[in-house]
Amino acid sequence: MTVKLIIFDFDGTIADTFEPLINIIQRLSQEFGYKSVSPEDIDVFRNLTTREIIYQAGVSIWKLPFILRRIKKELHKDIKLVKPIAGMKEALLELKSQGNQLGIITSNSQDNVQLFLENNQLDQIFSFICSGTTIFGKNKVINNVLTQQNLHLSDVIYVGDETRDIEAAKKSNIQVVAVSWGFNSQQILSNQNPDYLIEHPQQLLEVVNNLKQLIS
């Protein structure tokens, strides 16, 4: 395998948006008619797949695009306060300095991602930001990127913190690195059988370098 492109999820993988997103979801619960989330619920949800969370929270599927749009709009108000996951900025800069191409595929808005990157001096290291309009369907965005970049499946790694990230990467037949510092727990991520499961951003460097050594 030759690693030519590392694709990252944004929320929970690069950006520490967990607390502001939970606060926004709480504020919108009455407006959109889903259950308010207690601290105990959050602990339970972290051990569920995305589809299971949507079902248990009582979120109407047809309302989901409208909820997602509002969440992104509300997050924009607080995005200047969001910081990178501890150790992630250093890992990203090192990966870039080693000659890797980096990109972002996210269900957040491109404006939110770009503003975050600029505020944290990371706006020069990513080759692209692809913003999806739905929670599911990242595999279609991944496939479009592979076509546009003229890359082989074996050239690409996807890095994410949720079960839906693993699901998308597997649908696109690319290797996936699951990170345990985001929304989903290490246990539920492990149950989805990612190619790699890491606990700290520095381990991502080890994964990429080990893969390069295998083909050298």
C-alpha atoms as a PDB file:
ATOM      1  CA  MET A   1       0.000   0.000   0.000  1.00  0.00           C
ATOM      2  CA  THR A   2       1.196   3.530  -0.836  1.00  0.00           C
ATOM      3  CA  VAL A   3      -0.372   6.240   1.313  1.00  0.00           C
ATOM      4  CA  LYS A   4      -1.040   9.236  -0.943  1.00  0.00           C
ATOM      5  CA  LEU A   5      -4.104  10.751   0.695  1.00  0.00           C
ATOM      6  CA  ILE A   6      -5.360  10.834   4.284  1.00  0.00           C
ATOM      7  CA  ILE A   7      -9.010  11.903   4.561  1.00  0.00           C
ATOM      8  CA  PHE A   8     -10.233  13.182   7.907  1.00  0.00           C
ATOM      9  CA  ASP A   9     -13.639  13.574   9.449  1.00  0.00           C
ATOM     10  CA  PHE A  10     -13.928  16.966  11.165  1.00  0.00           C
ATOM     11  CA  ASP A  11     -16.134  17.007  14.275  1.00  0.00           C
ATOM     12  CA  GLY A  12     -14.679  14.910  17.069  1.00  0.00           C
ATOM     13  CA  THR A  13     -11.723  13.819  14.961  1.00  0.00           C
ATOM     14  CA  ILE A  14      -9.900  17.118  14.321  1.00  0.00           C
ATOM     15  CA  ALA A  15     -12.078  19.633  16.170  1.00  0.00           C
ATOM     16  CA  ASP A  16     -13.204  19.261  19.785  1.00  0.00           C
ATOM     17  CA  THR A  17     -16.841  20.160  19.071  1.00  0.00           C
ATOM     18  CA  PHE A  18     -18.414  17.616  21.421  1.00  0.00           C
ATOM     19  CA  GLU A  19     -19.625  19.994  24.144  1.00  0.00           C
ATOM     20  CA  PRO A  20     -20.922  22.790  21.868  1.00  0.00           C
ATOM     21  CA  LEU A  21     -22.753  20.268  19.668  1.00  0.00           C
ATOM     22  CA  ILE A  22     -24.411  18.609  22.672  1.00  0.00           C
ATOM     23  CA  ASN A  23     -25.505  22.052  23.918  1.00  0.00           C
ATOM     24  CA  ILE A  24     -26.970  22.913  20.509  1.00  0.00           C
ATOM     25  CA  ILE A  25     -28.768  19.575  20.256  1.00  0.00           C
ATOM     26  CA  GLN A  26     -30.275  20.213  23.689  1.00  0.00           C
ATOM     27  CA  ARG A  27     -31.499  23.689  22.724  1.00  0.00           C
ATOM     28  CA  LEU A  28     -33.148  22.442  19.542  1.00  0.00           C
ATOM     29  CA  SER A  29     -34.899  19.418  21.073  1.00  0.00           C
ATOM     30  CA  GLN A  30     -38.212  21.135  21.849  1.00  0.00           C
ATOM     31  CA  GLU A  31     -38.334  22.937  18.504  1.00  0.00           C
ATOM     32  CA  PHE A  32     -37.831  19.755  16.484  1.00  0.00           C
ATOM     33  CA  GLY A  33     -39.700  17.398  18.772  1.00  0.00           C
ATOM     34  CA  TYR A  34     -37.045  14.918  19.875  1.00  0.00           C
ATOM     35  CA  LYS A  35     -35.998  13.849  23.362  1.00  0.00           C
ATOM     36  CA  SER A  36     -33.828  16.100  25.486  1.00  0.00           C
ATOM     37  CA  VAL A  37     -30.500  14.432  26.182  1.00  0.00           C
ATOM     38  CA  SER A  38     -29.390  13.827  29.774  1.00  0.00           C
ATOM     39  CA  PRO A  39     -25.772  13.120  30.808  1.00  0.00           C
ATOM     40  CA  GLU A  40     -26.797   9.495  31.278  1.00  0.00           C
ATOM     41  CA  ASP A  41     -28.217   9.413  27.743  1.00  0.00           C
ATOM     42  CA  ILE A  42     -24.937  10.695  26.334  1.00  0.00           C
ATOM     43  CA  ASP A  43     -23.028   7.842  27.972  1.00  0.00           C
ATOM     44  CA  VAL A  44     -25.491   5.372  26.447  1.00  0.00           C
ATOM     45  CA  PHE A  45     -25.430   7.010  23.004  1.00  0.00           C
ATOM     46  CA  ARG A  46     -21.642   6.834  22.796  1.00  0.00           C
ATOM     47  CA  ASN A  47     -22.005   3.053  22.757  1.00  0.00           C
ATOM     48  CA  LEU A  48     -24.577   3.015  19.946  1.00  0.00           C
ATOM     49  CA  THR A  49     -24.324   3.301  16.178  1.00  0.00           C
ATOM     50  CA  THR A  50     -25.534   6.524  14.562  1.00  0.00           C
ATOM     51  CA  ARG A  51     -28.740   4.884  13.323  1.00  0.00           C
ATOM     52  CA  GLU A  52     -29.451   3.507  16.801  1.00  0.00           C
ATOM     53  CA  ILE A  53     -28.947   6.960  18.326  1.00  0.00           C
ATOM     54  CA  ILE A  54     -31.381   8.567  15.874  1.00  0.00           C
ATOM     55  CA  TYR A  55     -33.982   5.902  16.652  1.00  0.00           C
ATOM     56  CA  GLN A  56     -33.635   6.065  20.452  1.00  0.00           C
ATOM     57  CA  ALA A  57     -33.664   9.876  20.488  1.00  0.00           C
ATOM     58  CA  GLY A  58     -36.959   9.861  18.607  1.00  0.00           C
ATOM     59  CA  VAL A  59     -35.642  11.948  15.717  1.00  0.00           C
ATOM     60  CA  SER A  60     -37.936  11.995  12.694  1.00  0.00           C
ATOM     61  CA  ILE A  61     -35.974  10.959   9.598  1.00  0.00           C
ATOM     62  CA  TRP A  62     -37.679  13.551   7.416  1.00  0.00           C
ATOM     63  CA  LYS A  63     -36.718  16.291   9.897  1.00  0.00           C
ATOM     64  CA  LEU A  64     -33.079  15.212   9.969  1.00  0.00           C
ATOM     65  CA  PRO A  65     -31.826  17.455   7.104  1.00  0.00           C
ATOM     66  CA  PHE A  66     -33.491  20.494   8.719  1.00  0.00           C
ATOM     67  CA  ILE A  67     -32.022  19.655  12.132  1.00  0.00           C
ATOM     68  CA  LEU A  68     -28.560  19.212  10.622  1.00  0.00           C
ATOM     69  CA  ARG A  69     -28.823  22.560   8.836  1.00  0.00           C
ATOM     70  CA  ARG A  70     -29.768  24.328  12.060  1.00  0.00           C
ATOM     71  CA  ILE A  71     -27.004  22.624  14.024  1.00  0.00           C
ATOM     72  CA  LYS A  72     -24.421  23.854  11.532  1.00  0.00           C
ATOM     73  CA  LYS A  73     -25.863  27.362  11.649  1.00  0.00           C
ATOM     74  CA  GLU A  74     -25.837  27.434  15.460  1.00  0.00           C
ATOM     75  CA  LEU A  75     -22.315  26.028  15.648  1.00  0.00           C
ATOM     76  CA  HIS A  76     -21.099  28.837  13.407  1.00  0.00           C
ATOM     77  CA  LYS A  77     -21.740  31.242  16.306  1.00  0.00           C
ATOM     78  CA  ASP A  78     -19.304  29.361  18.561  1.00  0.00           C
ATOM     79  CA  ILE A  79     -16.790  27.966  16.084  1.00  0.00           C
ATOM     80  CA  LYS A  80     -14.172  30.602  16.934  1.00  0.00           C
ATOM     81  CA  LEU A  81     -13.997  29.132  20.442  1.00  0.00           C
ATOM     82  CA  VAL A  82     -13.479  25.523  19.268  1.00  0.00           C
ATOM     83  CA  LYS A  83      -9.970  24.100  19.614  1.00  0.00           C
ATOM     84  CA  PRO A  84      -8.312  21.077  18.003  1.00  0.00           C
ATOM     85  CA  ILE A  85      -8.284  17.758  19.814  1.00  0.00           C
ATOM     86  CA  ALA A  86      -5.196  17.681  22.059  1.00  0.00           C
ATOM     87  CA  GLY A  87      -2.202  16.566  20.011  1.00  0.00           C
ATOM     88  CA  MET A  88      -4.055  16.696  16.678  1.00  0.00           C
ATOM     89  CA  LYS A  89      -2.558  19.943  15.383  1.00  0.00           C
ATOM     90  CA  GLU A  90       0.961  18.627  15.908  1.00  0.00           C
ATOM     91  CA  ALA A  91       0.101  15.307  14.240  1.00  0.00           C
ATOM     92  CA  LEU A  92      -1.454  17.046  11.222  1.00  0.00           C
ATOM     93  CA  LEU A  93       1.538  19.329  10.749  1.00  0.00           C
ATOM     94  CA  GLU A  94       3.909  16.367  10.960  1.00  0.00           C
ATOM     95  CA  LEU A  95       1.892  14.318   8.470  1.00  0.00           C
ATOM     96  CA  LYS A  96       1.926  17.263   6.055  1.00  0.00           C
ATOM     97  CA  SER A  97       5.670  17.806   6.499  1.00  0.00           C
ATOM     98  CA  GLN A  98       6.234  14.150   5.564  1.00  0.00           C
ATOM     99  CA  GLY A  99       4.678  14.801   2.167  1.00  0.00           C
ATOM    100  CA  ASN A 100       1.207  13.354   2.765  1.00  0.00           C
ATOM    101  CA  GLN A 101      -1.815  14.900   1.081  1.00  0.00           C
ATOM    102  CA  LEU A 102      -4.567  15.712   3.603  1.00  0.00           C
ATOM    103  CA  GLY A 103      -8.260  16.351   3.045  1.00  0.00           C
ATOM    104  CA  ILE A 104     -11.507  16.695   5.005  1.00  0.00           C
ATOM    105  CA  ILE A 105     -14.907  15.115   4.347  1.00  0.00           C
ATOM    106  CA  THR A 106     -17.561  16.265   6.785  1.00  0.00           C
ATOM    107  CA  SER A 107     -21.279  16.725   7.347  1.00  0.00           C
ATOM    108  CA  ASN A 108     -20.472  20.102   8.907  1.00  0.00           C
ATOM    109  CA  SER A 109     -20.473  23.221   6.719  1.00  0.00           C
ATOM    110  CA  GLN A 110     -17.441  24.265   4.720  1.00  0.00           C
ATOM    111  CA  ASP A 111     -17.651  27.742   6.275  1.00  0.00           C
ATOM    112  CA  ASN A 112     -17.438  26.307   9.794  1.00  0.00           C
ATOM    113  CA  VAL A 113     -14.483  24.089   8.899  1.00  0.00           C
ATOM    114  CA  GLN A 114     -12.624  26.859   7.076  1.00  0.00           C
ATOM    115  CA  LEU A 115     -13.109  29.309   9.944  1.00  0.00           C
ATOM    116  CA  PHE A 116     -11.878  26.730  12.458  1.00  0.00           C
ATOM    117  CA  LEU A 117      -8.787  25.991  10.369  1.00  0.00           C
ATOM    118  CA  GLU A 118      -7.962  29.682   9.959  1.00  0.00           C
ATOM    119  CA  ASN A 119      -8.390  30.364  13.682  1.00  0.00           C
ATOM    120  CA  ASN A 120      -6.018  27.514  14.532  1.00  0.00           C
ATOM    121  CA  GLN A 121      -3.419  28.138  11.795  1.00  0.00           C
ATOM    122  CA  LEU A 122      -4.270  24.927   9.967  1.00  0.00           C
ATOM    123  CA  ASP A 123      -5.778  26.406   6.794  1.00  0.00           C
ATOM    124  CA  GLN A 124      -2.697  25.782   4.640  1.00  0.00           C
ATOM    125  CA  ILE A 125      -2.303  22.041   5.146  1.00  0.00           C
ATOM    126  CA  PHE A 126      -5.493  20.600   3.645  1.00  0.00           C
ATOM    127  CA  SER A 127      -5.844  20.097  -0.097  1.00  0.00           C
ATOM    128  CA  PHE A 128      -9.643  20.077   0.010  1.00  0.00           C
ATOM    129  CA  ILE A 129     -12.735  20.317   2.225  1.00  0.00           C
ATOM    130  CA  CYS A 130     -15.808  18.401   1.071  1.00  0.00           C
ATOM    131  CA  SER A 131     -19.022  19.179   2.938  1.00  0.00           C
ATOM    132  CA  GLY A 132     -21.888  16.700   2.669  1.00  0.00           C
ATOM    133  CA  THR A 133     -25.544  17.631   3.086  1.00  0.00           C
ATOM    134  CA  THR A 134     -26.589  14.488   4.959  1.00  0.00           C
ATOM    135  CA  ILE A 135     -25.366  12.489   7.941  1.00  0.00           C
ATOM    136  CA  PHE A 136     -25.164   9.349   5.834  1.00  0.00           C
ATOM    137  CA  GLY A 137     -23.705   9.050   2.361  1.00  0.00           C
ATOM    138  CA  LYS A 138     -20.069   9.937   3.030  1.00  0.00           C
ATOM    139  CA  ASN A 139     -19.057   6.995   0.878  1.00  0.00           C
ATOM    140  CA  LYS A 140     -20.443   8.796  -2.182  1.00  0.00           C
ATOM    141  CA  VAL A 141     -18.331  11.847  -1.364  1.00  0.00           C
ATOM    142  CA  ILE A 142     -15.287   9.620  -0.846  1.00  0.00           C
ATOM    143  CA  ASN A 143     -15.867   7.961  -4.214  1.00  0.00           C
ATOM    144  CA  ASN A 144     -16.113  11.361  -5.921  1.00  0.00           C
ATOM    145  CA  VAL A 145     -12.833  12.463  -4.337  1.00  0.00           C
ATOM    146  CA  LEU A 146     -11.079   9.283  -5.473  1.00  0.00           C
ATOM    147  CA  THR A 147     -12.297   9.871  -9.022  1.00  0.00           C
ATOM    148  CA  GLN A 148     -11.313  13.544  -9.050  1.00  0.00           C
ATOM    149  CA  GLN A 149      -7.870  12.838  -7.587  1.00  0.00           C
ATOM    150  CA  ASN A 150      -7.363   9.801  -9.841  1.00  0.00           C
ATOM    151  CA  LEU A 151      -6.360   7.686  -6.852  1.00  0.00           C
ATOM    152  CA  HIS A 152      -6.421   3.939  -6.360  1.00  0.00           C
ATOM    153  CA  LEU A 153      -8.365   2.596  -3.368  1.00  0.00           C
ATOM    154  CA  SER A 154      -5.143   1.391  -1.764  1.00  0.00           C
ATOM    155  CA  ASP A 155      -3.714   4.937  -1.816  1.00  0.00           C
ATOM    156  CA  VAL A 156      -6.256   6.310   0.658  1.00  0.00           C
ATOM    157  CA  ILE A 157      -6.913   6.136   4.420  1.00  0.00           C
ATOM    158  CA  TYR A 158     -10.001   7.553   6.123  1.00  0.00           C
ATOM    159  CA  VAL A 159      -9.811   8.773   9.739  1.00  0.00           C
ATOM    160  CA  GLY A 160     -12.988   9.214  11.799  1.00  0.00           C
ATOM    161  CA  ASP A 161     -14.528   9.007  15.257  1.00  0.00           C
ATOM    162  CA  GLU A 162     -18.000   7.546  14.569  1.00  0.00           C
ATOM    163  CA  THR A 163     -19.430   4.246  13.422  1.00  0.00           C
ATOM    164  CA  ARG A 164     -20.803   5.949  10.304  1.00  0.00           C
ATOM    165  CA  ASP A 165     -17.240   6.906   9.337  1.00  0.00           C
ATOM    166  CA  ILE A 166     -16.210   3.265   9.463  1.00  0.00           C
ATOM    167  CA  GLU A 167     -19.324   2.313   7.513  1.00  0.00           C
ATOM    168  CA  ALA A 168     -18.612   4.878   4.788  1.00  0.00           C
ATOM    169  CA  ALA A 169     -14.970   3.852   4.398  1.00  0.00           C
ATOM    170  CA  LYS A 170     -15.904   0.180   4.123  1.00  0.00           C
ATOM    171  CA  LYS A 171     -18.527   0.945   1.484  1.00  0.00           C
ATOM    172  CA  SER A 172     -15.830   2.758  -0.480  1.00  0.00           C
ATOM    173  CA  ASN A 173     -13.383  -0.131   0.073  1.00  0.00           C
ATOM    174  CA  ILE A 174     -10.674   2.017   1.642  1.00  0.00           C
ATOM    175  CA  GLN A 175      -8.809   1.464   4.899  1.00  0.00           C
ATOM    176  CA  VAL A 176     -10.154   3.243   7.957  1.00  0.00           C
ATOM    177  CA  VAL A 177      -8.556   4.437  11.176  1.00  0.00           C
ATOM    178  CA  ALA A 178     -11.055   4.848  14.029  1.00  0.00           C
ATOM    179  CA  VAL A 179     -10.131   7.302  16.793  1.00  0.00           C
ATOM    180  CA  SER A 180     -11.398   6.764  20.330  1.00  0.00           C
ATOM    181  CA  TRP A 181     -11.204  10.415  21.446  1.00  0.00           C
ATOM    182  CA  GLY A 182     -14.355  11.530  19.586  1.00  0.00           C
ATOM    183  CA  PHE A 183     -18.061  10.817  19.974  1.00  0.00           C
ATOM    184  CA  ASN A 184     -18.334   7.024  19.800  1.00  0.00           C
ATOM    185  CA  SER A 185     -16.739   4.861  22.479  1.00  0.00           C
ATOM    186  CA  GLN A 186     -13.756   2.639  21.850  1.00  0.00           C
ATOM    187  CA  GLN A 187     -15.944  -0.417  22.423  1.00  0.00           C
ATOM    188  CA  ILE A 188     -18.551   0.343  19.746  1.00  0.00           C
ATOM    189  CA  LEU A 189     -15.840   1.415  17.304  1.00  0.00           C
ATOM    190  CA  SER A 190     -14.012  -1.860  17.880  1.00  0.00           C
ATOM    191  CA  ASN A 191     -17.244  -3.770  17.227  1.00  0.00           C
ATOM    192  CA  GLN A 192     -17.346  -2.219  13.737  1.00  0.00           C
ATOM    193  CA  ASN A 193     -13.935  -3.774  12.922  1.00  0.00           C
ATOM    194  CA  PRO A 194     -11.940  -0.785  11.639  1.00  0.00           C
ATOM    195  CA  ASP A 195      -8.531  -1.520  10.129  1.00  0.00           C
ATOM    196  CA  TYR A 196      -6.919   0.453  12.956  1.00  0.00           C
ATOM    197  CA  LEU A 197      -8.179   1.802  16.279  1.00  0.00           C
ATOM    198  CA  ILE A 198      -6.051   4.450  17.977  1.00  0.00           C
ATOM    199  CA  GLU A 199      -6.236   6.369  21.260  1.00  0.00           C
ATOM    200  CA  HIS A 200      -3.982   9.383  20.560  1.00  0.00           C
ATOM    201  CA  PRO A 201      -3.236  11.482  17.445  1.00  0.00           C
ATOM    202  CA  GLN A 202       0.461  10.555  17.617  1.00  0.00           C
ATOM    203  CA  GLN A 203      -0.491   6.960  16.851  1.00  0.00           C
ATOM    204  CA  LEU A 204      -1.791   8.088  13.470  1.00  0.00           C
ATOM    205  CA  LEU A 205       1.774   8.923  12.484  1.00  0.00           C
ATOM    206  CA  GLU A 206       2.796   5.411  13.468  1.00  0.00           C
ATOM    207  CA  VAL A 207       0.018   3.861  11.352  1.00  0.00           C
ATOM    208  CA  VAL A 208       0.927   5.861   8.243  1.00  0.00           C
ATOM    209  CA  ASN A 209       4.670   5.318   8.598  1.00  0.00           C
ATOM    210  CA  ASN A 210       4.243   1.596   9.198  1.00  0.00           C
ATOM    211  CA  LEU A 211       2.149   1.301   6.050  1.00  0.00           C
ATOM    212  CA  LYS A 212       4.817   3.097   4.037  1.00  0.00           C
ATOM    213  CA  GLN A 213       7.513   0.786   5.410  1.00  0.00           C
ATOM    214  CA  LEU A 214       5.523  -2.252   4.313  1.00  0.00           C
ATOM    215  CA  ILE A 215       5.839  -1.274   0.668  1.00  0.00           C
ATOM    216  CA  SER A 216       9.388   0.122   0.774  1.00  0.00           C
END
